Amino acid sequence: MSAMLAESRPDEATALVEVPRRKRKRVVIIGGGFAGIAAVHALRHADAEIVLVDRRNHHIFQPLLYQVATAVLSPAEIAAPIRQLEARQRNVTVLLAEVTAVDVTSRTIEVASPGAGVRKIAFDYLVVATGMRPNYFGHDEFARYAPGLKSLGDAETIRAKILGAFELAAMTEDEDERARQMTFVLVGAGPTGVELAGSLAGLVKVTLRGNFRRIDPSKSTIILLDAGNRVLPTFAESLSRRVTRRLTKLGVKVLTGVKVENVDEQGVVAGGRRIPSATVVWSAGVAASPIPRMLGTKTDRAGRALVDPFLKVVGAPGVFVAGDAASVMQNQHPVPGVAQAAIQEGRYVGRLIASELKGREVKRPFHYFDKGNMAVVGKNYAVLERGSLRTGGFLTWLVWAFVHILSLPQLQNRLRVQRQWLWSYFTGQRSSRLIPETHDPAH
C-alpha cells in the first residue's frame, strides 16, 4: 500500500506526488456500482494491479431500493460489501475514499478519506463509473424536503418519513395536519416513481391495516405527478396507459403535465396549487457526479462524459467512462441509463483493457444488447418491453421477480429476498418497519 499511495501534507496538497515505478500496470476504477464491479470482474485474469475506489463500502442493487424505502426489504438484503472483492480476486485492492480531483495530464487522482488525509494515486488506466445523483433542475434547495432515492441512506430516510408520518397522524388532533401527514407526493413518474407508488399503496392498504386505532392508513392520499404527459415515458404509450390504469386501481392519483414549482416543509406547489404533504420524494431526474467534468472532456446537459464508441475519453489515452456517467450513442440513440447497460459497458471496458495489456488491439466498438425494460406496479403486476414485445400482467410479474432475484449480488441476498417476498406475498406484512432512533443529548 505504501508503494501505491503517497500521502500529501496539508501544505503540499496541490504538489505532484512522485509515485514509485511499478512492475505491473495499474488500473484505477472509480465507483463500485454495476459498471465498476463488472469492470473489476472482467479484469480478474489480467496481469495488472486493480484499485477500486468508492466512498461507500458496499455495492447496492439499485432496482430494489424502492422496496427498502417502503419497508419490504432491509438494506442488508440488497447490498453486499465491496471489500469481499479482495478475498475473491487477488489483483484487487479496495479503498474507501472519495475522489476529489482527477489530473489526466499527470495521470493521478486525488482521494480523501476521513482520518487518513488526502492522497494521490497514479494510474496507467482509469475507469470512471461513478453513476448518477438526483437532479433538481437548478433547485437544489428542494433536496432538504424531497429526498431522492439513490443510496441506502436515502431509502432509510424515506422509510422513516413514511412510517413516522403515520405515527404523527395518530398523535395529532388537528384534522388538517392529520391529512397532511397522510398525503404522500412522489415527483417523477419514471420507473422509480411508478414502482414506489405501487409499493406504497400496498403498504397503506394491506400492511398497516389494523395497526392504528385513531387513523385508517388506507385513507392515505398518494399522488404521483410528472411534468411530462404520461407515466413511464421511455416505455411504449400502450404500456404507459396500462400502468396508469393499474395505479389508479391501487388508489394512486396520477397527475401528468404538472410541473413542480416549489417544495418546502409544508408540501409542494405544483401546477399553481399547493398540495399539503409531510412526505415528498423526488424521482424526477438524475445528473452525473462531478467527476466526469474533472476529466476536462465534453459533457452533456446531465453532466455525463461524451465518449467515443470504445467508451474512451477523446484526447486522454487509457481513460474510460462507463455506466450512467457516460453518454454513449448507438444507432443515433443514447444508450439508456439502466443497470443492464452499465454492466455491459463495465464488462466491455474491463475486457478492452485486459486485451491492451496483452498487446492486442481491440477493433470492435461497444455494442449494447437490449434485454428489455421492466417495471413493477404493486403486487402481481409488471410490464415488459423488448423490441416489438409489449406485455404486462401476473406472468410478467413472475418473470420480473425471477430476473431480479438472480441479479442480486450474493447467494445470501437471493435467499433472503426470496424468503421475504414469499412472506410478504402471503401475509401482506413487511418486516423492515423500523424507524431509526434519533440521538437526543438530553437523555
Protein backbone atom coordinates (compact mmCIF):
# COMPACT_ATOMS: atom_id res chain seq x y z
CA MET A 1 0.00 0.00 0.00
CA SER A 2 2.88 2.43 0.74
CA ALA A 3 4.15 1.99 -2.80
CA MET A 4 0.72 2.66 -4.19
CA LEU A 5 -0.29 5.66 -2.12
CA ALA A 6 1.72 8.73 -1.28
CA GLU A 7 0.15 10.95 1.35
CA SER A 8 0.28 14.71 0.89
CA ARG A 9 0.93 17.07 3.77
CA PRO A 10 -1.72 19.82 4.12
CA ASP A 11 0.66 22.47 2.71
CA GLU A 12 1.58 20.25 -0.22
CA ALA A 13 -1.94 19.23 -1.20
CA THR A 14 -1.52 20.55 -4.74
CA ALA A 15 2.01 19.28 -5.28
CA LEU A 16 2.58 16.39 -7.65
CA VAL A 17 3.34 13.24 -5.70
CA GLU A 18 6.14 11.11 -7.05
CA VAL A 19 4.88 7.54 -7.30
CA PRO A 20 7.47 4.73 -7.33
CA ARG A 21 7.80 2.81 -10.56
CA ARG A 22 5.78 -0.40 -10.54
CA LYS A 23 6.35 -3.72 -12.24
CA ARG A 24 2.69 -4.09 -13.21
CA LYS A 25 0.36 -1.61 -14.83
CA ARG A 26 -2.24 -0.09 -12.54
CA VAL A 27 -5.92 0.20 -13.40
CA VAL A 28 -7.84 2.59 -11.16
CA ILE A 29 -11.62 2.19 -11.16
CA ILE A 30 -13.73 4.91 -9.54
CA GLY A 31 -17.12 3.65 -8.39
CA GLY A 32 -18.37 0.33 -7.04
CA GLY A 33 -21.71 0.29 -8.83
CA PHE A 34 -22.81 -2.00 -11.63
CA ALA A 35 -20.26 -0.73 -14.17
CA GLY A 36 -17.33 -0.60 -11.75
CA ILE A 37 -17.89 -4.09 -10.36
CA ALA A 38 -18.34 -5.50 -13.88
CA ALA A 39 -15.03 -3.93 -14.94
CA VAL A 40 -13.27 -5.43 -11.91
CA HIS A 41 -14.61 -8.91 -12.70
CA ALA A 42 -13.59 -8.60 -16.35
CA LEU A 43 -10.01 -7.88 -15.22
CA ARG A 44 -9.77 -10.86 -12.86
CA HIS A 45 -7.17 -12.64 -15.01
CA ALA A 46 -5.28 -9.52 -16.05
CA ASP A 47 -1.64 -9.10 -15.14
CA ALA A 48 -2.31 -5.74 -13.56
CA GLU A 49 -2.89 -4.03 -10.23
CA ILE A 50 -6.58 -3.13 -9.90
CA VAL A 51 -7.53 -0.36 -7.46
CA LEU A 52 -11.24 0.16 -6.81
CA VAL A 53 -12.12 3.44 -5.08
CA ASP A 54 -15.56 4.15 -3.65
CA ARG A 55 -16.86 6.42 -0.91
CA ARG A 56 -19.15 3.62 0.28
CA ASN A 57 -18.07 0.16 1.39
CA HIS A 58 -20.98 -1.59 -0.29
CA HIS A 59 -22.49 -2.28 -3.68
CA ILE A 60 -26.23 -1.63 -3.93
CA PHE A 61 -28.72 -3.41 -6.13
CA GLN A 62 -30.44 -0.14 -7.00
CA PRO A 63 -33.52 -1.57 -8.79
CA LEU A 64 -34.85 -2.70 -5.39
CA LEU A 65 -34.04 0.44 -3.39
CA TYR A 66 -37.70 1.42 -3.51
CA GLN A 67 -38.54 -1.75 -1.55
CA VAL A 68 -36.18 -0.65 1.23
CA ALA A 69 -37.90 2.75 1.20
CA THR A 70 -41.32 1.09 1.61
CA ALA A 71 -40.26 -1.41 4.30
CA VAL A 72 -40.46 -4.56 2.14
CA LEU A 73 -36.74 -5.30 2.42
CA SER A 74 -33.95 -4.31 4.78
CA PRO A 75 -30.78 -2.61 3.49
CA ALA A 76 -28.64 -5.73 4.01
CA GLU A 77 -30.88 -7.72 1.67
CA ILE A 78 -29.98 -5.65 -1.41
CA ALA A 79 -26.37 -4.73 -0.65
CA ALA A 80 -23.04 -6.52 -0.49
CA PRO A 81 -19.69 -5.36 0.91
CA ILE A 82 -17.26 -4.30 -1.81
CA ARG A 83 -14.27 -5.38 0.25
CA GLN A 84 -15.06 -9.04 -0.34
CA LEU A 85 -13.55 -8.49 -3.81
CA GLU A 86 -10.09 -8.56 -2.21
CA ALA A 87 -10.75 -12.05 -0.91
CA ARG A 88 -12.07 -13.32 -4.23
CA GLN A 89 -9.74 -11.54 -6.67
CA ARG A 90 -6.05 -11.39 -5.83
CA ASN A 91 -5.18 -8.48 -8.12
CA VAL A 92 -7.70 -6.11 -6.50
CA THR A 93 -7.24 -3.50 -3.77
CA VAL A 94 -10.32 -1.71 -2.41
CA LEU A 95 -10.07 1.81 -0.99
CA LEU A 96 -12.83 3.51 1.00
CA ALA A 97 -12.32 7.12 -0.07
CA GLU A 98 -13.85 9.96 -2.05
CA VAL A 99 -12.22 11.20 -5.24
CA THR A 100 -11.71 14.95 -5.04
CA ALA A 101 -9.63 15.61 -8.17
CA VAL A 102 -8.51 13.94 -11.39
CA ASP A 103 -5.42 15.04 -13.31
CA VAL A 104 -5.37 13.38 -16.71
CA THR A 105 -2.07 15.04 -17.65
CA SER A 106 -0.09 13.71 -14.69
CA ARG A 107 -2.25 10.56 -14.66
CA THR A 108 -3.14 10.77 -10.98
CA ILE A 109 -6.29 11.05 -8.93
CA GLU A 110 -6.64 12.69 -5.54
CA VAL A 111 -8.66 10.97 -2.84
CA ALA A 112 -9.74 11.96 0.64
CA SER A 113 -10.62 9.63 3.46
CA PRO A 114 -11.71 10.65 6.99
CA GLY A 115 -8.81 10.16 9.35
CA ALA A 116 -6.36 9.28 6.57
CA GLY A 117 -5.84 12.67 4.95
CA VAL A 118 -5.53 13.46 1.25
CA ARG A 119 -3.60 11.15 -1.05
CA LYS A 120 -2.74 10.85 -4.69
CA ILE A 121 -2.84 7.64 -6.67
CA ALA A 122 -1.12 7.22 -10.02
CA PHE A 123 -2.77 5.22 -12.79
CA ASP A 124 -1.95 3.72 -16.17
CA TYR A 125 -5.62 3.16 -16.95
CA LEU A 126 -8.56 4.98 -15.40
CA VAL A 127 -12.20 3.88 -15.45
CA VAL A 128 -14.78 6.39 -14.22
CA ALA A 129 -18.01 4.61 -13.23
CA THR A 130 -19.47 6.99 -10.68
CA GLY A 131 -23.16 6.72 -11.56
CA MET A 132 -25.80 9.38 -11.05
CA ARG A 133 -27.36 11.53 -8.35
CA PRO A 134 -30.77 13.24 -8.11
CA ASN A 135 -31.24 16.23 -10.41
CA TYR A 136 -33.36 19.06 -9.01
CA PHE A 137 -33.02 21.11 -12.21
CA GLY A 138 -31.46 24.16 -10.59
CA HIS A 139 -33.50 23.95 -7.38
CA ASP A 140 -31.12 22.13 -5.06
CA GLU A 141 -32.96 23.68 -2.13
CA PHE A 142 -35.72 21.13 -2.78
CA ALA A 143 -33.42 18.33 -1.61
CA ARG A 144 -33.91 19.31 2.03
CA TYR A 145 -37.61 18.49 1.84
CA ALA A 146 -37.74 15.99 -1.04
CA PRO A 147 -35.00 13.33 -0.81
CA GLY A 148 -34.05 11.37 -3.89
CA LEU A 149 -33.60 7.60 -3.95
CA LYS A 150 -30.03 6.74 -4.91
CA SER A 151 -28.47 5.24 -1.78
CA LEU A 152 -29.29 3.10 1.25
CA GLY A 153 -29.25 6.27 3.33
CA ASP A 154 -31.85 7.82 1.03
CA ALA A 155 -34.04 4.72 1.27
CA GLU A 156 -33.86 4.64 5.07
CA THR A 157 -34.63 8.36 5.26
CA ILE A 158 -37.72 7.92 3.08
CA ARG A 159 -38.83 4.86 5.03
CA ALA A 160 -38.53 6.79 8.30
CA LYS A 161 -40.52 9.71 6.85
CA ILE A 162 -43.30 7.42 5.61
CA LEU A 163 -43.64 5.41 8.81
CA GLY A 164 -43.13 8.45 11.02
CA ALA A 165 -45.92 10.28 9.19
CA PHE A 166 -48.47 7.73 10.37
CA GLU A 167 -47.23 7.97 13.95
CA LEU A 168 -47.60 11.76 13.87
CA ALA A 169 -51.01 11.47 12.22
CA ALA A 170 -52.15 9.21 15.06
CA MET A 171 -50.93 11.73 17.65
CA THR A 172 -52.40 14.97 16.33
CA GLU A 173 -55.90 16.28 17.00
CA ASP A 174 -55.74 18.67 14.05
CA GLU A 175 -57.63 17.15 11.10
CA ASP A 176 -55.81 19.29 8.53
CA GLU A 177 -52.44 18.28 9.93
CA ARG A 178 -53.53 14.65 10.00
CA ALA A 179 -54.48 14.86 6.32
CA ARG A 180 -51.11 16.47 5.55
CA GLN A 181 -49.21 13.71 7.34
CA MET A 182 -51.16 11.08 5.40
CA THR A 183 -50.54 12.66 2.00
CA PHE A 184 -47.54 11.37 0.06
CA VAL A 185 -46.29 13.15 -3.06
CA LEU A 186 -43.94 11.38 -5.47
CA VAL A 187 -42.36 13.72 -8.01
CA GLY A 188 -41.39 11.94 -11.23
CA ALA A 189 -43.33 9.18 -12.99
CA GLY A 190 -40.45 7.17 -14.38
CA PRO A 191 -39.82 3.56 -13.26
CA THR A 192 -38.69 4.61 -9.75
CA GLY A 193 -41.73 6.79 -9.13
CA VAL A 194 -44.15 4.21 -10.51
CA GLU A 195 -42.65 1.34 -8.51
CA LEU A 196 -42.51 3.43 -5.34
CA ALA A 197 -46.16 4.47 -5.75
CA GLY A 198 -47.33 0.88 -6.25
CA SER A 199 -45.39 -0.41 -3.26
CA LEU A 200 -46.55 2.47 -1.06
CA ALA A 201 -50.16 1.72 -1.99
CA GLY A 202 -49.69 -1.85 -0.77
CA LEU A 203 -48.16 -0.62 2.48
CA VAL A 204 -51.06 1.67 3.38
CA LYS A 205 -53.88 -0.62 2.25
CA VAL A 206 -52.62 -4.01 3.43
CA THR A 207 -49.55 -3.96 5.68
CA LEU A 208 -50.68 -1.20 8.04
CA ARG A 209 -54.32 -2.28 8.13
CA GLY A 210 -55.46 -2.62 11.74
CA ASN A 211 -52.21 -1.22 13.15
CA PHE A 212 -53.73 2.09 14.29
CA ARG A 213 -56.89 2.78 16.30
CA ARG A 214 -57.15 6.51 15.71
CA ILE A 215 -56.40 6.61 11.98
CA ASP A 216 -57.10 4.48 8.92
CA PRO A 217 -53.89 4.26 6.82
CA SER A 218 -55.91 3.07 3.80
CA LYS A 219 -57.40 6.56 3.59
CA SER A 220 -53.97 7.99 2.80
CA THR A 221 -53.54 10.06 -0.35
CA ILE A 222 -50.75 9.02 -2.73
CA ILE A 223 -50.05 11.45 -5.55
CA LEU A 224 -47.71 10.66 -8.44
CA LEU A 225 -47.03 13.73 -10.54
CA ASP A 226 -44.86 14.49 -13.54
CA ALA A 227 -44.27 17.42 -15.86
CA GLY A 228 -44.48 15.07 -18.85
CA ASN A 229 -47.69 13.99 -20.50
CA ARG A 230 -47.63 10.37 -19.32
CA VAL A 231 -46.05 7.91 -16.88
CA LEU A 232 -43.11 5.73 -17.94
CA PRO A 233 -42.15 7.98 -20.87
CA THR A 234 -39.38 5.58 -22.01
CA PHE A 235 -41.92 2.78 -22.49
CA ALA A 236 -44.46 2.38 -25.28
CA GLU A 237 -47.57 4.53 -24.91
CA SER A 238 -49.81 1.46 -24.73
CA LEU A 239 -47.90 0.19 -21.66
CA SER A 240 -47.98 3.67 -20.15
CA ARG A 241 -51.78 3.70 -20.35
CA ARG A 242 -51.99 0.24 -18.76
CA VAL A 243 -49.74 1.30 -15.90
CA THR A 244 -51.80 4.44 -15.32
CA ARG A 245 -54.97 2.36 -15.06
CA ARG A 246 -53.26 -0.05 -12.69
CA LEU A 247 -52.01 2.76 -10.43
CA THR A 248 -55.47 4.32 -10.38
CA LYS A 249 -56.95 0.97 -9.38
CA LEU A 250 -54.46 0.82 -6.49
CA GLY A 251 -55.67 4.21 -5.29
CA VAL A 252 -52.80 6.36 -6.62
CA LYS A 253 -53.71 9.76 -8.04
CA VAL A 254 -51.72 10.22 -11.25
CA LEU A 255 -51.20 13.85 -12.29
CA THR A 256 -49.28 14.40 -15.54
CA GLY A 257 -48.47 17.65 -17.28
CA VAL A 258 -47.94 19.23 -13.86
CA LYS A 259 -44.68 20.99 -13.07
CA VAL A 260 -43.40 21.33 -9.51
CA GLU A 261 -42.72 24.98 -8.73
CA ASN A 262 -41.72 24.76 -5.08
CA VAL A 263 -41.08 22.25 -2.31
CA ASP A 264 -40.98 23.23 1.35
CA GLU A 265 -41.70 21.76 4.77
CA GLN A 266 -45.45 22.10 4.21
CA GLY A 267 -45.56 20.23 0.90
CA VAL A 268 -45.33 21.16 -2.76
CA VAL A 269 -46.64 23.78 -5.12
CA ALA A 270 -47.40 22.18 -8.47
CA GLY A 271 -49.41 23.45 -11.38
CA GLY A 272 -50.16 26.62 -9.48
CA ARG A 273 -51.76 24.98 -6.46
CA ARG A 274 -50.40 23.86 -3.12
CA ILE A 275 -50.55 20.22 -2.09
CA PRO A 276 -50.04 19.92 1.69
CA SER A 277 -47.80 16.93 2.38
CA ALA A 278 -45.34 15.86 5.06
CA THR A 279 -43.59 13.35 2.77
CA VAL A 280 -42.30 14.31 -0.67
CA VAL A 281 -39.97 12.01 -2.63
CA TRP A 282 -38.02 13.19 -5.68
CA SER A 283 -37.54 10.82 -8.62
CA ALA A 284 -37.93 13.37 -11.41
CA GLY A 285 -34.45 13.23 -12.89
CA VAL A 286 -30.79 12.39 -12.47
CA ALA A 287 -27.45 14.08 -13.11
CA ALA A 288 -23.93 12.74 -13.23
CA SER A 289 -21.50 13.10 -10.33
CA PRO A 290 -18.90 15.92 -10.62
CA ILE A 291 -16.11 13.52 -11.58
CA PRO A 292 -16.75 13.28 -15.36
CA ARG A 293 -16.29 17.08 -15.55
CA MET A 294 -12.90 16.70 -13.85
CA LEU A 295 -11.66 14.82 -16.91
CA GLY A 296 -11.67 18.01 -18.96
CA THR A 297 -13.79 16.45 -21.68
CA LYS A 298 -17.13 17.49 -23.13
CA THR A 299 -20.25 16.55 -21.19
CA ASP A 300 -23.96 16.51 -21.97
CA ARG A 301 -26.64 18.53 -20.16
CA ALA A 302 -26.80 15.92 -17.38
CA GLY A 303 -23.03 16.10 -16.82
CA ARG A 304 -22.25 12.75 -18.44
CA ALA A 305 -18.95 12.47 -20.30
CA LEU A 306 -19.19 12.26 -24.10
CA VAL A 307 -17.10 9.23 -25.04
CA ASP A 308 -16.15 7.59 -28.32
CA PRO A 309 -17.56 4.22 -29.49
CA PHE A 310 -14.91 2.43 -27.40
CA LEU A 311 -16.03 4.31 -24.24
CA LYS A 312 -12.76 6.23 -24.26
CA VAL A 313 -12.33 9.89 -23.41
CA VAL A 314 -11.09 11.63 -26.54
CA GLY A 315 -7.59 13.05 -26.10
CA ALA A 316 -6.94 11.11 -22.88
CA PRO A 317 -5.30 7.75 -23.65
CA GLY A 318 -6.24 4.99 -21.23
CA VAL A 319 -9.14 6.92 -19.69
CA PHE A 320 -12.61 5.39 -19.94
CA VAL A 321 -16.08 6.28 -18.69
CA ALA A 322 -18.74 3.59 -18.22
CA GLY A 323 -22.24 3.25 -16.84
CA ASP A 324 -24.51 6.17 -16.04
CA ALA A 325 -21.55 8.58 -16.03
CA ALA A 326 -21.07 8.04 -19.79
CA SER A 327 -23.08 9.44 -22.68
CA VAL A 328 -22.94 6.72 -25.34
CA MET A 329 -24.68 6.83 -28.71
CA GLN A 330 -25.77 3.75 -30.63
CA ASN A 331 -27.73 3.86 -33.88
CA GLN A 332 -28.17 7.61 -33.33
CA HIS A 333 -29.89 6.97 -30.00
CA PRO A 334 -28.41 7.26 -26.49
CA VAL A 335 -27.78 4.03 -24.62
CA PRO A 336 -30.25 4.08 -21.69
CA GLY A 337 -29.05 4.66 -18.16
CA VAL A 338 -30.17 1.29 -16.79
CA ALA A 339 -28.40 -1.44 -14.84
CA GLN A 340 -28.00 -3.84 -17.75
CA ALA A 341 -26.33 -1.14 -19.88
CA ALA A 342 -23.93 -0.25 -17.04
CA ILE A 343 -22.97 -3.91 -16.58
CA GLN A 344 -22.33 -4.38 -20.30
CA GLU A 345 -20.26 -1.19 -20.51
CA GLY A 346 -18.17 -2.08 -17.45
CA ARG A 347 -17.54 -5.58 -18.76
CA TYR A 348 -16.56 -4.21 -22.18
CA VAL A 349 -14.09 -1.71 -20.73
CA GLY A 350 -12.53 -4.34 -18.48
CA ARG A 351 -12.05 -6.75 -21.37
CA LEU A 352 -10.68 -4.00 -23.61
CA ILE A 353 -8.08 -3.03 -21.02
CA ALA A 354 -7.19 -6.70 -20.45
CA SER A 355 -6.63 -7.08 -24.20
CA GLU A 356 -4.47 -3.95 -24.41
CA LEU A 357 -2.37 -5.19 -21.50
CA LYS A 358 -1.62 -8.25 -23.61
CA GLY A 359 -0.64 -6.09 -26.57
CA ARG A 360 -3.80 -6.78 -28.54
CA GLU A 361 -5.69 -4.09 -30.40
CA VAL A 362 -9.46 -4.03 -29.92
CA LYS A 363 -11.26 -3.04 -33.12
CA ARG A 364 -14.86 -3.81 -32.17
CA PRO A 365 -16.63 -0.86 -30.54
CA PHE A 366 -19.08 -1.22 -27.69
CA HIS A 367 -22.49 -2.57 -28.65
CA TYR A 368 -25.40 -2.51 -26.24
CA PHE A 369 -27.63 -5.57 -26.28
CA ASP A 370 -31.07 -4.53 -25.08
CA LYS A 371 -32.61 -7.29 -22.96
CA GLY A 372 -35.77 -5.26 -22.48
CA ASN A 373 -37.16 -2.85 -19.89
CA MET A 374 -39.36 -3.84 -16.98
CA ALA A 375 -41.31 -2.03 -14.29
CA VAL A 376 -43.40 -3.48 -11.47
CA VAL A 377 -46.64 -1.87 -10.31
CA GLY A 378 -47.56 -3.25 -6.90
CA LYS A 379 -48.35 -6.87 -6.24
CA ASN A 380 -48.95 -9.28 -9.15
CA TYR A 381 -48.41 -6.78 -11.96
CA ALA A 382 -45.43 -5.76 -14.08
CA VAL A 383 -44.83 -4.57 -17.62
CA LEU A 384 -42.15 -5.61 -20.09
CA GLU A 385 -41.00 -4.04 -23.32
CA ARG A 386 -38.42 -5.57 -25.60
CA GLY A 387 -38.47 -4.52 -29.21
CA SER A 388 -41.95 -5.18 -30.54
CA LEU A 389 -42.83 -7.31 -27.49
CA ARG A 390 -45.01 -5.39 -25.06
CA THR A 391 -46.73 -7.25 -22.30
CA GLY A 392 -47.97 -6.85 -18.75
CA GLY A 393 -49.71 -8.76 -16.00
CA PHE A 394 -49.14 -11.52 -13.49
CA LEU A 395 -46.87 -13.71 -15.64
CA THR A 396 -44.71 -10.69 -16.42
CA TRP A 397 -44.54 -10.01 -12.70
CA LEU A 398 -43.27 -13.55 -12.11
CA VAL A 399 -40.58 -13.01 -14.76
CA TRP A 400 -39.65 -9.71 -13.11
CA ALA A 401 -39.31 -11.41 -9.70
CA PHE A 402 -37.20 -14.26 -11.13
CA VAL A 403 -34.84 -11.92 -13.01
CA HIS A 404 -34.33 -9.64 -10.03
CA ILE A 405 -33.61 -12.49 -7.61
CA LEU A 406 -30.99 -13.91 -9.98
CA SER A 407 -29.42 -10.47 -10.40
CA LEU A 408 -28.80 -9.87 -6.70
CA PRO A 409 -25.09 -9.67 -5.80
CA GLN A 410 -24.77 -12.67 -3.46
CA LEU A 411 -26.44 -16.01 -2.82
CA GLN A 412 -27.41 -14.93 0.68
CA ASN A 413 -29.12 -11.85 -0.78
CA ARG A 414 -31.12 -14.06 -3.13
CA LEU A 415 -32.21 -16.40 -0.36
CA ARG A 416 -33.17 -13.57 1.98
CA VAL A 417 -35.13 -11.64 -0.66
CA GLN A 418 -36.90 -14.76 -1.88
CA ARG A 419 -37.91 -15.66 1.66
CA GLN A 420 -39.07 -12.12 2.45
CA TRP A 421 -41.05 -11.81 -0.77
CA LEU A 422 -42.85 -15.08 -0.11
CA TRP A 423 -43.67 -13.99 3.45
CA SER A 424 -44.91 -10.60 2.27
CA TYR A 425 -46.87 -12.09 -0.63
CA PHE A 426 -48.91 -14.48 1.51
CA THR A 427 -49.26 -12.36 4.67
CA GLY A 428 -49.14 -8.80 3.35
CA GLN A 429 -46.68 -7.96 6.13
CA ARG A 430 -43.33 -6.24 5.79
CA SER A 431 -40.58 -7.00 8.27
CA SER A 432 -38.44 -3.87 7.86
CA ARG A 433 -40.75 -1.36 9.55
CA LEU A 434 -38.29 0.18 11.97
CA ILE A 435 -37.94 3.92 12.44
CA PRO A 436 -34.29 4.73 13.24
CA GLU A 437 -33.80 6.19 16.70
CA THR A 438 -32.51 9.75 16.77
CA HIS A 439 -29.99 10.71 19.42
CA ASP A 440 -31.18 13.23 21.96
CA PRO A 441 -28.29 14.67 24.07
CA ALA A 442 -30.75 15.44 26.89
CA HIS A 443 -31.37 11.72 27.51
